[in-house]
Amino acid sequence: MAYVSLYRRYRPNEFSSMIGQQHIIRTLRNQIMTGAISHAYLFTGSRGTGKTTTAKIFARAINCLNVKEDGSPCGECMICKALADSSNMDIIEMDAASNNGVDEIRYLLEKVKFAPSVGRYKVYIIDEVHMLSPQAFNALLKTLEEPPEHVVFILATTEVQKILPTVLSRCQRFDFRLVPTQETAGLLARIFDELKTPYDKEALTAIAEAGEGCVRDSLSLAEMCMSYCGDKVTYAGVLEVLGASSPEAVLDMTACILAGDVDGSLKRIEETTKEGKSVKVLAGDIAKTLRNLLYCRNCNNANKILNMPRELFAKTNDLAMTYDNTKLLRCLEIICSVDGDLRYGSNARLVLEAAVVKACDEYCSIDAQGVLMRLKNLEAKIAAGQIVATTPAQSDSVRHTMSMDTSEKMLVYLLNTLKKRGMLVEYAYFSKLNKEQLEIKDNCLVIKAVSQGQKDSIAFYLTEYESILREAYRDLARIVVEVEIKEDETKQNIENVKNVFGADKVNITNGGSNNG
């Protein structure tokens, strides 16, 4: 008997065997059970996600005499057996990639008027329908809108954006999703168990990830790995088939990049390329490792998501805790930004090496906004006198880092910062201050209050919004702002009250209550 590829051998014959498209299967099953069958369907999505397979199952199910509970055809009735024969004329498949002219569509439409030979419906499955010419689409339109009652059209495409709006409006559209890695790995495990082929769990995850949501690609890759590995499909064997570098080696290279070790990073690229590894694959491996570091740093159940070998996960987790998200994201952005150049450039290795050196350079890791902020603050950095600020726990003063020539400039800067930050209430309050109330003293700005009420207001604003103000000043050249209250109005207020009401009418207690 001729050998049959895995993706053909294990193509589902019923809905229960399909993975990743439950939202579509449920809708179609309900339509089958209720008999609410539309005249035209459009199945769209990436390759290998089950569009044609679903179309074939659906075509047999709407003709089946004894549909199963899940909406699948029984496979046992007279009609199911007749439709299983490749010579049947009730389910007609057409490849629009090679039959995209108007003549082919006209020939197809001439057959539409004939009733089905055995079933209830005659089903036309047109694959890669986006390849039809405009004339062919126009020839199909009228019949697609009002076909005979016994005809159902199922159009399948990977490029729905190329379908004419007039065609889209006449179809029920179903979007097929990429199949999650864990569901694909589970399918591979069931197949390997049935074939009695030993495997490493991590190997199946690696195969499923390489398939990138395409079940057919994953099955084809699994078949290659079975042939390469022989007795047992191992993680190392899968990496060899993929042309990928050892995860430990890639993690080591990533650690060098994050540490800014240009020499170590370039040496490891040299070692990897000498082994014949693809530069594009290597760049993808580095990006994937950086992504794994972000998972380790931010997710409590990271290894359940990544499904890595225990020792490798431990090393990855240790490295992740060494750097913050900003550093990891910036390096990931740099590596991912060269994808187009790696694909179409004449010297992929040169492109990757330049990206790695850039990621190693701490100055290149500063984002554009940070660079602009630093350029804007060059004038402030010229000024002398840089003091490290401290903030007392219980104090009426809030210190930040700053270096200014005069108190007037300091006030202007403070107001501009508050306005840019949208802190309009604070801006309105501090705009009432005048330069006489500000003084530069020992490289600190002193804001002088003229009353107890103003003292309380200053303390409130600078304490309540301290974190926001610190954020506003974070990119400046070591500025110190100190708020000091110089005057107490309590005694003067008491004298004013006595003058108005009479000294004999007012009795002041230690608790501040008025008994008069």
Protein backbone atom coordinates (compact mmCIF):
# COMPACT_ATOMS: atom_id res chain seq x y z
CA MET A 1 0.00 0.00 0.00
CA ALA A 2 1.35 3.47 -0.93
CA TYR A 3 2.56 5.68 1.91
CA VAL A 4 0.17 8.47 2.88
CA SER A 5 1.45 11.68 4.46
CA LEU A 6 0.39 12.44 8.02
CA TYR A 7 -1.64 15.52 7.09
CA ARG A 8 -3.64 13.46 4.59
CA ARG A 9 -3.89 10.38 6.77
CA TYR A 10 -5.17 12.32 9.77
CA ARG A 11 -7.42 14.81 7.98
CA PRO A 12 -10.62 14.96 10.08
CA ASN A 13 -13.78 13.32 8.78
CA GLU A 14 -16.06 14.79 11.46
CA PHE A 15 -16.33 17.95 13.48
CA SER A 16 -15.26 16.33 16.76
CA SER A 17 -11.79 15.66 15.32
CA MET A 18 -11.15 19.29 14.43
CA ILE A 19 -9.17 21.60 16.69
CA GLY A 20 -9.00 25.34 17.16
CA GLN A 21 -12.23 26.32 15.36
CA GLN A 22 -14.94 25.60 17.92
CA HIS A 23 -16.65 28.95 17.27
CA ILE A 24 -17.24 27.96 13.65
CA ILE A 25 -18.10 24.33 14.31
CA ARG A 26 -20.79 25.30 16.80
CA THR A 27 -22.50 27.66 14.34
CA LEU A 28 -22.43 25.15 11.50
CA ARG A 29 -23.67 22.34 13.75
CA ASN A 30 -26.66 24.41 14.84
CA GLN A 31 -27.50 25.22 11.23
CA ILE A 32 -27.33 21.53 10.32
CA MET A 33 -29.55 20.52 13.23
CA THR A 34 -32.16 23.18 12.52
CA GLY A 35 -31.99 22.93 8.74
CA ALA A 36 -31.20 26.65 8.41
CA ILE A 37 -28.70 26.13 5.60
CA SER A 38 -27.52 29.24 3.76
CA HIS A 39 -26.99 29.30 0.00
CA ALA A 40 -23.40 30.67 0.20
CA TYR A 41 -20.54 30.55 2.70
CA LEU A 42 -17.14 32.18 2.76
CA PHE A 43 -14.37 30.47 4.76
CA THR A 44 -11.33 32.70 5.26
CA GLY A 45 -8.15 32.34 7.27
CA SER A 46 -4.50 31.33 7.16
CA ARG A 47 -3.39 28.19 5.36
CA GLY A 48 -3.71 24.88 7.16
CA THR A 49 -6.38 25.99 9.62
CA GLY A 50 -9.15 23.68 8.32
CA LYS A 51 -11.13 25.67 5.75
CA THR A 52 -11.35 22.98 3.05
CA THR A 53 -11.69 20.19 5.61
CA THR A 54 -14.62 21.97 7.27
CA ALA A 55 -16.22 22.56 3.88
CA LYS A 56 -16.06 18.85 3.02
CA ILE A 57 -17.48 17.74 6.36
CA PHE A 58 -20.26 20.33 6.15
CA ALA A 59 -21.09 19.31 2.56
CA ARG A 60 -21.54 15.66 3.61
CA ALA A 61 -23.39 16.56 6.83
CA ILE A 62 -26.14 18.57 5.12
CA ASN A 63 -26.82 15.55 2.89
CA CYS A 64 -26.51 12.85 5.58
CA LEU A 65 -29.63 10.89 6.56
CA ASN A 66 -28.48 10.19 10.15
CA VAL A 67 -26.50 13.18 11.41
CA LYS A 68 -24.59 12.68 14.67
CA GLU A 69 -25.24 14.77 17.77
CA ASP A 70 -22.25 16.99 17.04
CA GLY A 71 -23.54 17.69 13.51
CA SER A 72 -21.07 15.35 11.78
CA PRO A 73 -22.12 12.98 8.98
CA CYS A 74 -22.68 9.41 10.16
CA GLY A 75 -20.54 7.87 7.44
CA GLU A 76 -22.76 4.79 7.38
CA CYS A 77 -25.91 5.76 5.50
CA MET A 78 -26.42 5.24 1.79
CA ILE A 79 -25.76 8.90 0.94
CA CYS A 80 -22.57 9.14 3.03
CA LYS A 81 -21.16 6.10 1.29
CA ALA A 82 -22.12 7.50 -2.10
CA LEU A 83 -20.51 10.86 -1.35
CA ALA A 84 -17.34 9.13 -0.12
CA ASP A 85 -16.81 7.86 -3.67
CA SER A 86 -14.48 10.18 -5.59
CA SER A 87 -16.70 9.89 -8.66
CA ASN A 88 -19.73 11.48 -6.98
CA MET A 89 -21.13 14.59 -8.66
CA ASP A 90 -22.93 16.13 -5.69
CA ILE A 91 -19.81 17.60 -4.04
CA ILE A 92 -17.74 19.43 -6.64
CA GLU A 93 -14.35 20.90 -5.72
CA MET A 94 -12.77 23.54 -7.90
CA ASP A 95 -9.32 25.12 -7.57
CA ALA A 96 -9.69 28.75 -8.58
CA ALA A 97 -5.91 29.16 -8.73
CA SER A 98 -5.79 27.09 -11.93
CA ASN A 99 -9.39 27.61 -13.08
CA ASN A 100 -9.81 31.34 -12.68
CA GLY A 101 -11.24 32.39 -16.03
CA VAL A 102 -14.75 33.38 -16.94
CA ASP A 103 -15.15 30.31 -19.18
CA GLU A 104 -14.55 27.92 -16.26
CA ILE A 105 -17.17 29.73 -14.16
CA ARG A 106 -19.69 29.69 -17.02
CA TYR A 107 -19.17 25.95 -17.44
CA LEU A 108 -19.70 25.48 -13.70
CA LEU A 109 -22.91 27.54 -13.76
CA GLU A 110 -24.32 25.44 -16.59
CA LYS A 111 -24.22 22.43 -14.24
CA VAL A 112 -25.93 24.28 -11.36
CA LYS A 113 -29.43 23.79 -12.73
CA PHE A 114 -29.16 20.00 -12.55
CA ALA A 115 -30.51 18.39 -9.37
CA PRO A 116 -28.21 16.37 -7.06
CA SER A 117 -27.92 12.70 -7.92
CA VAL A 118 -28.19 11.18 -4.42
CA GLY A 119 -28.31 13.85 -1.73
CA ARG A 120 -30.44 16.83 -0.87
CA TYR A 121 -27.89 19.47 -1.90
CA LYS A 122 -25.32 19.89 -4.62
CA VAL A 123 -22.32 21.64 -3.01
CA TYR A 124 -19.70 23.63 -4.91
CA ILE A 125 -16.43 24.15 -2.99
CA ILE A 126 -14.28 26.81 -4.71
CA ASP A 127 -10.81 26.92 -3.14
CA GLU A 128 -8.53 30.00 -3.38
CA VAL A 129 -11.51 31.92 -4.69
CA HIS A 130 -9.59 35.22 -4.54
CA MET A 131 -7.70 34.06 -7.65
CA LEU A 132 -10.79 34.40 -9.86
CA SER A 133 -10.61 37.15 -12.44
CA PRO A 134 -13.00 40.13 -12.17
CA GLN A 135 -14.94 38.78 -15.15
CA ALA A 136 -15.28 35.39 -13.48
CA PHE A 137 -16.53 37.01 -10.27
CA ASN A 138 -19.10 38.99 -12.21
CA ALA A 139 -20.28 35.84 -13.96
CA LEU A 140 -20.72 34.17 -10.57
CA LEU A 141 -22.57 37.03 -8.87
CA LYS A 142 -26.13 36.48 -10.02
CA THR A 143 -26.14 32.74 -9.38
CA LEU A 144 -24.36 33.27 -6.05
CA GLU A 145 -27.14 35.61 -4.93
CA GLU A 146 -30.09 33.49 -6.07
CA PRO A 147 -28.99 29.91 -6.71
CA PRO A 148 -31.44 27.03 -7.09
CA GLU A 149 -32.73 25.68 -3.77
CA HIS A 150 -30.62 22.53 -4.10
CA VAL A 151 -27.28 24.37 -4.50
CA VAL A 152 -24.84 25.53 -1.80
CA PHE A 153 -21.64 27.45 -2.55
CA ILE A 154 -18.66 27.30 -0.18
CA LEU A 155 -15.88 29.74 -1.08
CA ALA A 156 -12.48 29.37 0.63
CA THR A 157 -9.66 31.92 0.60
CA THR A 158 -6.51 32.97 2.42
CA GLU A 159 -6.75 36.57 1.14
CA VAL A 160 -10.22 37.84 1.89
CA GLN A 161 -9.20 41.43 1.13
CA LYS A 162 -9.08 40.53 -2.56
CA ILE A 163 -12.71 39.40 -2.65
CA LEU A 164 -15.14 41.85 -4.24
CA PRO A 165 -17.52 43.51 -1.74
CA THR A 166 -20.44 42.41 -3.92
CA VAL A 167 -19.39 38.78 -3.34
CA LEU A 168 -18.78 39.25 0.39
CA SER A 169 -22.26 40.68 0.88
CA ARG A 170 -23.84 37.54 -0.58
CA CYS A 171 -22.07 35.07 1.75
CA GLN A 172 -22.05 34.09 5.40
CA ARG A 173 -18.44 34.76 6.41
CA PHE A 174 -16.50 32.53 8.83
CA ASP A 175 -13.00 33.54 9.94
CA PHE A 176 -10.72 30.63 10.80
CA ARG A 177 -8.21 31.35 13.54
CA LEU A 178 -4.64 30.19 13.89
CA VAL A 179 -4.64 27.05 16.02
CA PRO A 180 -3.09 27.56 19.50
CA THR A 181 0.25 25.84 20.13
CA GLN A 182 -1.05 23.66 22.96
CA GLU A 183 -3.95 22.32 20.87
CA THR A 184 -1.59 21.46 18.01
CA ALA A 185 0.84 19.80 20.44
CA GLY A 186 -2.06 17.78 21.88
CA LEU A 187 -3.03 16.59 18.39
CA LEU A 188 0.58 15.57 17.69
CA ALA A 189 0.68 13.65 20.98
CA ARG A 190 -2.46 11.69 20.05
CA ILE A 191 -1.05 10.87 16.62
CA PHE A 192 2.34 9.77 18.00
CA ASP A 193 0.62 7.65 20.63
CA GLU A 194 -1.47 5.98 17.94
CA LEU A 195 1.66 5.37 15.85
CA LYS A 196 3.48 4.11 18.98
CA THR A 197 6.29 6.62 18.41
CA PRO A 198 8.10 7.76 21.61
CA TYR A 199 8.61 11.50 21.97
CA ASP A 200 9.70 14.29 24.31
CA LYS A 201 6.87 16.59 25.35
CA GLU A 202 9.09 19.62 24.69
CA ALA A 203 9.76 18.31 21.17
CA LEU A 204 6.05 18.37 20.30
CA THR A 205 5.75 21.92 21.63
CA ALA A 206 8.70 22.98 19.48
CA ILE A 207 7.07 21.42 16.40
CA ALA A 208 3.74 23.10 17.14
CA GLU A 209 5.41 26.49 17.65
CA ALA A 210 7.29 26.11 14.37
CA GLY A 211 3.96 25.46 12.63
CA GLU A 212 2.82 28.94 13.72
CA GLY A 213 -0.84 27.97 14.02
CA CYS A 214 -0.95 25.96 10.78
CA VAL A 215 -1.87 22.33 11.53
CA ARG A 216 -0.81 21.08 8.11
CA ASP A 217 2.65 22.63 8.46
CA SER A 218 3.00 21.12 11.93
CA LEU A 219 2.08 17.64 10.68
CA SER A 220 4.51 17.90 7.77
CA LEU A 221 7.27 18.98 10.15
CA ALA A 222 6.39 16.17 12.57
CA GLU A 223 6.75 13.70 9.72
CA MET A 224 10.23 15.03 8.96
CA CYS A 225 11.23 14.81 12.62
CA MET A 226 10.05 11.19 12.82
CA SER A 227 12.23 10.33 9.83
CA TYR A 228 15.25 12.21 11.24
CA CYS A 229 15.06 11.09 14.87
CA GLY A 230 14.28 7.43 14.23
CA ASP A 231 13.32 5.59 17.43
CA LYS A 232 12.33 8.67 19.47
CA VAL A 233 11.42 12.24 18.55
CA THR A 234 13.66 14.33 20.81
CA TYR A 235 13.88 18.05 21.52
CA ALA A 236 17.45 18.21 20.19
CA GLY A 237 16.43 16.33 17.05
CA VAL A 238 13.59 18.74 16.34
CA LEU A 239 15.98 21.70 16.70
CA GLU A 240 18.30 20.06 14.17
CA VAL A 241 15.45 19.63 11.69
CA LEU A 242 14.37 23.23 12.21
CA GLY A 243 17.92 24.47 11.70
CA ALA A 244 17.66 26.26 15.02
CA SER A 245 20.50 26.81 17.46
CA SER A 246 20.65 25.19 20.86
CA PRO A 247 18.37 27.10 23.27
CA GLU A 248 21.21 27.22 25.79
CA ALA A 249 23.51 28.77 23.19
CA VAL A 250 20.90 31.35 22.18
CA LEU A 251 20.23 32.17 25.85
CA ASP A 252 23.98 32.66 26.35
CA MET A 253 24.11 34.98 23.33
CA THR A 254 21.09 36.92 24.59
CA ALA A 255 22.77 37.33 27.98
CA CYS A 256 25.82 38.83 26.25
CA ILE A 257 23.62 41.28 24.35
CA LEU A 258 21.79 42.40 27.49
CA ALA A 259 25.11 42.79 29.33
CA GLY A 260 26.47 45.00 26.53
CA ASP A 261 29.21 42.47 25.70
CA VAL A 262 29.82 43.23 22.01
CA ASP A 263 32.86 40.98 21.78
CA GLY A 264 31.06 37.97 23.25
CA SER A 265 27.95 38.53 21.13
CA LEU A 266 29.83 38.74 17.82
CA LYS A 267 31.94 35.68 18.66
CA ARG A 268 28.81 33.65 19.28
CA ILE A 269 27.30 34.77 15.97
CA GLU A 270 30.51 33.64 14.29
CA GLU A 271 30.35 30.24 15.99
CA THR A 272 26.71 29.75 15.07
CA THR A 273 27.08 30.68 11.41
CA LYS A 274 30.10 28.38 11.07
CA GLU A 275 27.79 25.52 11.99
CA GLY A 276 25.66 26.38 8.97
CA LYS A 277 22.75 27.82 10.93
CA SER A 278 20.45 30.28 9.19
CA VAL A 279 21.06 33.90 10.19
CA LYS A 280 17.34 34.66 9.89
CA VAL A 281 16.49 31.69 12.11
CA LEU A 282 19.12 32.86 14.62
CA ALA A 283 17.58 36.34 14.74
CA GLY A 284 14.19 34.75 15.32
CA ASP A 285 15.64 32.61 18.11
CA ILE A 286 17.12 35.68 19.84
CA ALA A 287 13.79 37.51 19.56
CA LYS A 288 11.96 34.48 20.90
CA THR A 289 14.38 34.26 23.86
CA LEU A 290 13.81 37.93 24.69
CA ARG A 291 10.09 37.28 24.54
CA ASN A 292 10.54 34.31 26.91
CA LEU A 293 12.41 36.58 29.32
CA LEU A 294 9.45 38.98 29.35
CA TYR A 295 7.10 36.08 30.12
CA CYS A 296 9.34 34.92 32.98
CA ARG A 297 9.54 38.40 34.42
CA ASN A 298 5.84 39.22 34.22
CA CYS A 299 3.86 35.96 34.45
CA ASN A 300 3.47 33.78 37.54
CA ASN A 301 2.85 30.64 35.47
CA ALA A 302 5.41 31.38 32.75
CA ASN A 303 6.61 27.81 32.28
CA LYS A 304 3.07 26.52 31.78
CA ILE A 305 2.86 28.93 28.86
CA LEU A 306 6.38 28.40 27.51
CA ASN A 307 6.57 24.67 28.30
CA MET A 308 10.39 24.67 28.35
CA PRO A 309 12.71 22.00 29.80
CA ARG A 310 13.11 22.54 33.53
CA GLU A 311 16.83 23.42 33.52
CA LEU A 312 16.46 25.80 30.59
CA PHE A 313 13.53 27.55 32.25
CA ALA A 314 15.52 28.00 35.47
CA LYS A 315 18.36 29.69 33.56
CA THR A 316 15.92 31.82 31.57
CA ASN A 317 14.10 32.89 34.73
CA ASP A 318 17.35 33.86 36.46
CA LEU A 319 18.39 36.02 33.51
CA ALA A 320 14.92 37.63 33.30
CA MET A 321 15.13 38.86 36.88
CA THR A 322 18.42 40.64 36.13
CA TYR A 323 16.91 43.22 33.75
CA ASP A 324 13.79 45.37 33.72
CA ASN A 325 11.07 45.40 31.08
CA THR A 326 12.40 48.56 29.45
CA LYS A 327 15.76 46.97 28.66
CA LEU A 328 14.20 43.72 27.40
CA LEU A 329 11.63 45.50 25.23
CA ARG A 330 14.20 47.83 23.69
CA CYS A 331 16.50 44.95 22.71
CA LEU A 332 13.53 43.01 21.34
CA GLU A 333 12.48 46.03 19.30
CA ILE A 334 15.96 46.37 17.78
CA ILE A 335 16.22 42.69 16.83
CA CYS A 336 12.70 42.55 15.36
CA SER A 337 13.18 45.77 13.37
CA VAL A 338 15.62 44.09 10.95
CA ASP A 339 13.27 41.31 9.86
CA GLY A 340 12.68 42.82 6.41
CA ASP A 341 16.40 43.42 5.83
CA LEU A 342 17.19 39.84 6.87
CA ARG A 343 14.63 38.50 4.42
CA TYR A 344 15.55 40.59 1.39
CA GLY A 345 19.03 41.96 2.15
CA SER A 346 22.12 40.68 0.32
CA ASN A 347 24.17 40.21 3.52
CA ALA A 348 21.94 38.93 6.31
CA ARG A 349 24.80 38.32 8.72
CA LEU A 350 25.97 41.93 8.47
CA VAL A 351 22.44 43.15 9.21
CA LEU A 352 22.15 40.93 12.29
CA GLU A 353 25.59 41.90 13.60
CA ALA A 354 24.75 45.60 13.28
CA ALA A 355 21.48 45.05 15.16
CA VAL A 356 23.24 43.10 17.92
CA VAL A 357 25.90 45.81 18.37
CA LYS A 358 23.16 48.41 18.52
CA ALA A 359 21.30 46.41 21.16
CA CYS A 360 24.53 46.07 23.17
CA ASP A 361 25.13 49.83 23.17
CA GLU A 362 23.39 51.34 26.17
CA TYR A 363 23.06 54.70 24.43
CA CYS A 364 21.29 53.10 21.48
CA SER A 365 18.92 51.50 23.96
CA ILE A 366 17.58 54.90 24.99
CA ASP A 367 14.30 55.59 23.26
CA ALA A 368 13.87 58.60 21.00
CA GLN A 369 11.76 60.50 23.51
CA GLY A 370 14.46 60.10 26.13
CA VAL A 371 17.11 61.42 23.74
CA LEU A 372 15.04 64.49 22.92
CA MET A 373 14.49 65.20 26.61
CA ARG A 374 18.22 65.03 27.24
CA LEU A 375 18.95 67.39 24.36
CA LYS A 376 16.43 69.87 25.73
CA ASN A 377 18.21 69.81 29.08
CA LEU A 378 21.73 70.53 27.78
CA GLU A 379 21.40 74.14 28.90
CA ALA A 380 20.59 73.04 32.44
CA LYS A 381 23.56 70.66 32.51
CA ILE A 382 25.98 73.52 31.75
CA ALA A 383 25.21 75.17 35.07
CA ALA A 384 27.54 74.29 37.94
CA GLY A 385 26.64 72.96 41.35
CA GLN A 386 25.10 69.50 41.30
CA ILE A 387 23.68 68.25 44.60
CA VAL A 388 22.00 64.95 45.41
CA ALA A 389 18.59 65.68 46.87
CA THR A 390 17.01 63.92 49.82
CA THR A 391 13.42 64.02 51.00
CA PRO A 392 12.81 63.98 54.79
CA ALA A 393 10.00 61.66 55.86
CA GLN A 394 8.07 64.27 57.83
CA SER A 395 8.79 67.67 56.36
CA ASP A 396 7.10 70.61 54.72
CA SER A 397 9.74 70.50 51.99
CA VAL A 398 9.93 68.40 48.86
CA ARG A 399 13.28 68.16 47.10
CA HIS A 400 13.93 67.41 43.46
CA THR A 401 17.05 67.79 41.31
CA MET A 402 17.61 71.01 39.39
CA SER A 403 20.25 73.60 38.55
CA MET A 404 19.10 77.13 37.69
CA ASP A 405 20.66 80.58 37.58
CA THR A 406 17.87 82.60 39.15
CA SER A 407 14.70 82.03 41.11
CA GLU A 408 12.71 83.70 38.32
CA LYS A 409 13.89 81.11 35.76
CA MET A 410 13.11 78.41 38.27
CA LEU A 411 9.51 79.61 38.62
CA VAL A 412 9.07 79.80 34.84
CA TYR A 413 10.39 76.25 34.47
CA LEU A 414 8.11 74.98 37.24
CA LEU A 415 5.03 76.58 35.66
CA ASN A 416 5.88 75.28 32.18
CA THR A 417 6.33 71.75 33.52
CA LEU A 418 3.01 71.84 35.36
CA LYS A 419 1.24 73.13 32.25
CA LYS A 420 2.74 70.47 29.99
CA ARG A 421 1.72 67.78 32.44
CA GLY A 422 -1.85 69.03 32.46
CA MET A 423 -1.66 69.85 36.20
CA LEU A 424 -3.86 72.92 35.78
CA VAL A 425 -4.91 73.30 39.42
CA GLU A 426 -1.29 73.29 40.58
CA TYR A 427 -0.38 75.61 37.70
CA ALA A 428 -3.10 78.07 38.72
CA TYR A 429 -1.88 78.06 42.32
CA PHE A 430 1.85 78.45 41.71
CA SER A 431 1.27 81.12 39.05
CA LYS A 432 0.11 83.38 41.92
CA LEU A 433 3.58 83.31 43.45
CA ASN A 434 5.99 86.13 42.62
CA LYS A 435 9.74 86.03 42.26
CA GLU A 436 10.20 87.82 45.60
CA GLN A 437 8.80 84.71 47.29
CA LEU A 438 11.50 82.57 45.69
CA GLU A 439 15.14 82.47 46.64
CA ILE A 440 18.13 80.40 45.51
CA LYS A 441 19.93 79.39 48.67
CA ASP A 442 22.72 76.82 48.80
CA ASN A 443 21.72 75.55 45.35
CA CYS A 444 18.16 75.05 46.58
CA LEU A 445 15.07 76.91 45.61
CA VAL A 446 13.31 78.27 48.70
CA ILE A 447 9.62 79.08 48.35
CA LYS A 448 8.69 81.58 51.08
CA ALA A 449 5.18 81.41 52.45
CA VAL A 450 3.54 84.63 53.66
CA SER A 451 0.81 83.00 55.74
CA GLN A 452 -0.14 79.79 57.49
CA GLY A 453 -2.81 79.15 54.84
CA GLN A 454 -0.26 79.47 52.05
CA LYS A 455 2.06 77.18 53.96
CA ASP A 456 -0.64 74.52 54.17
CA SER A 457 -1.42 74.87 50.45
CA ILE A 458 2.22 74.52 49.43
CA ALA A 459 2.64 71.49 51.66
CA PHE A 460 -0.55 69.95 50.24
CA TYR A 461 0.34 70.38 46.57
CA LEU A 462 3.97 69.34 46.85
CA THR A 463 3.14 66.29 48.98
CA GLU A 464 -0.01 65.17 47.18
CA TYR A 465 1.63 65.35 43.74
CA GLU A 466 5.19 64.53 44.71
CA SER A 467 5.38 61.41 42.51
CA ILE A 468 4.08 63.31 39.48
CA LEU A 469 6.53 66.15 40.02
CA ARG A 470 9.38 63.70 40.40
CA GLU A 471 8.35 62.13 37.11
CA ALA A 472 8.30 65.56 35.50
CA TYR A 473 11.86 66.23 36.68
CA ARG A 474 13.29 62.77 36.16
CA ASP A 475 15.22 63.60 32.97
CA LEU A 476 16.72 66.88 34.22
CA ALA A 477 20.30 67.49 35.32
CA ARG A 478 20.31 67.08 39.12
CA ILE A 479 18.03 69.83 40.37
CA VAL A 480 17.22 70.52 44.03
CA VAL A 481 13.97 72.18 45.03
CA GLU A 482 13.37 72.90 48.71
CA VAL A 483 10.24 74.42 50.20
CA GLU A 484 10.74 76.24 53.46
CA ILE A 485 8.09 78.04 55.52
CA LYS A 486 9.42 81.15 57.22
CA GLU A 487 6.45 82.74 58.96
CA ASP A 488 3.81 81.74 61.51
CA GLU A 489 0.64 83.91 61.50
CA THR A 490 -1.05 82.39 64.55
CA LYS A 491 -0.18 85.17 67.01
CA GLN A 492 -1.08 87.93 64.58
CA ASN A 493 -4.45 86.28 63.85
CA ILE A 494 -5.21 86.13 67.59
CA GLU A 495 -4.46 89.83 68.00
CA ASN A 496 -6.69 90.64 65.03
CA VAL A 497 -9.58 88.70 66.56
CA LYS A 498 -9.13 90.46 69.95
CA ASN A 499 -9.15 93.86 68.26
CA VAL A 500 -12.44 93.06 66.48
CA PHE A 501 -14.36 91.33 69.32
CA GLY A 502 -12.54 92.73 72.36
CA ALA A 503 -9.86 91.06 74.42
CA ASP A 504 -12.27 90.18 77.24
CA LYS A 505 -14.52 88.27 74.83
CA VAL A 506 -11.85 85.86 73.55
CA ASN A 507 -10.42 82.96 75.55
CA ILE A 508 -7.74 80.85 73.77
CA THR A 509 -7.10 77.33 75.09
CA ASN A 510 -4.17 74.99 74.35
CA GLY A 511 -6.42 72.81 72.25
CA GLY A 512 -7.30 75.72 69.98
CA SER A 513 -11.04 75.78 70.88
CA ASN A 514 -12.97 79.01 71.30
CA ASN A 515 -14.82 79.25 74.63
CA GLY A 516 -15.83 82.89 74.27
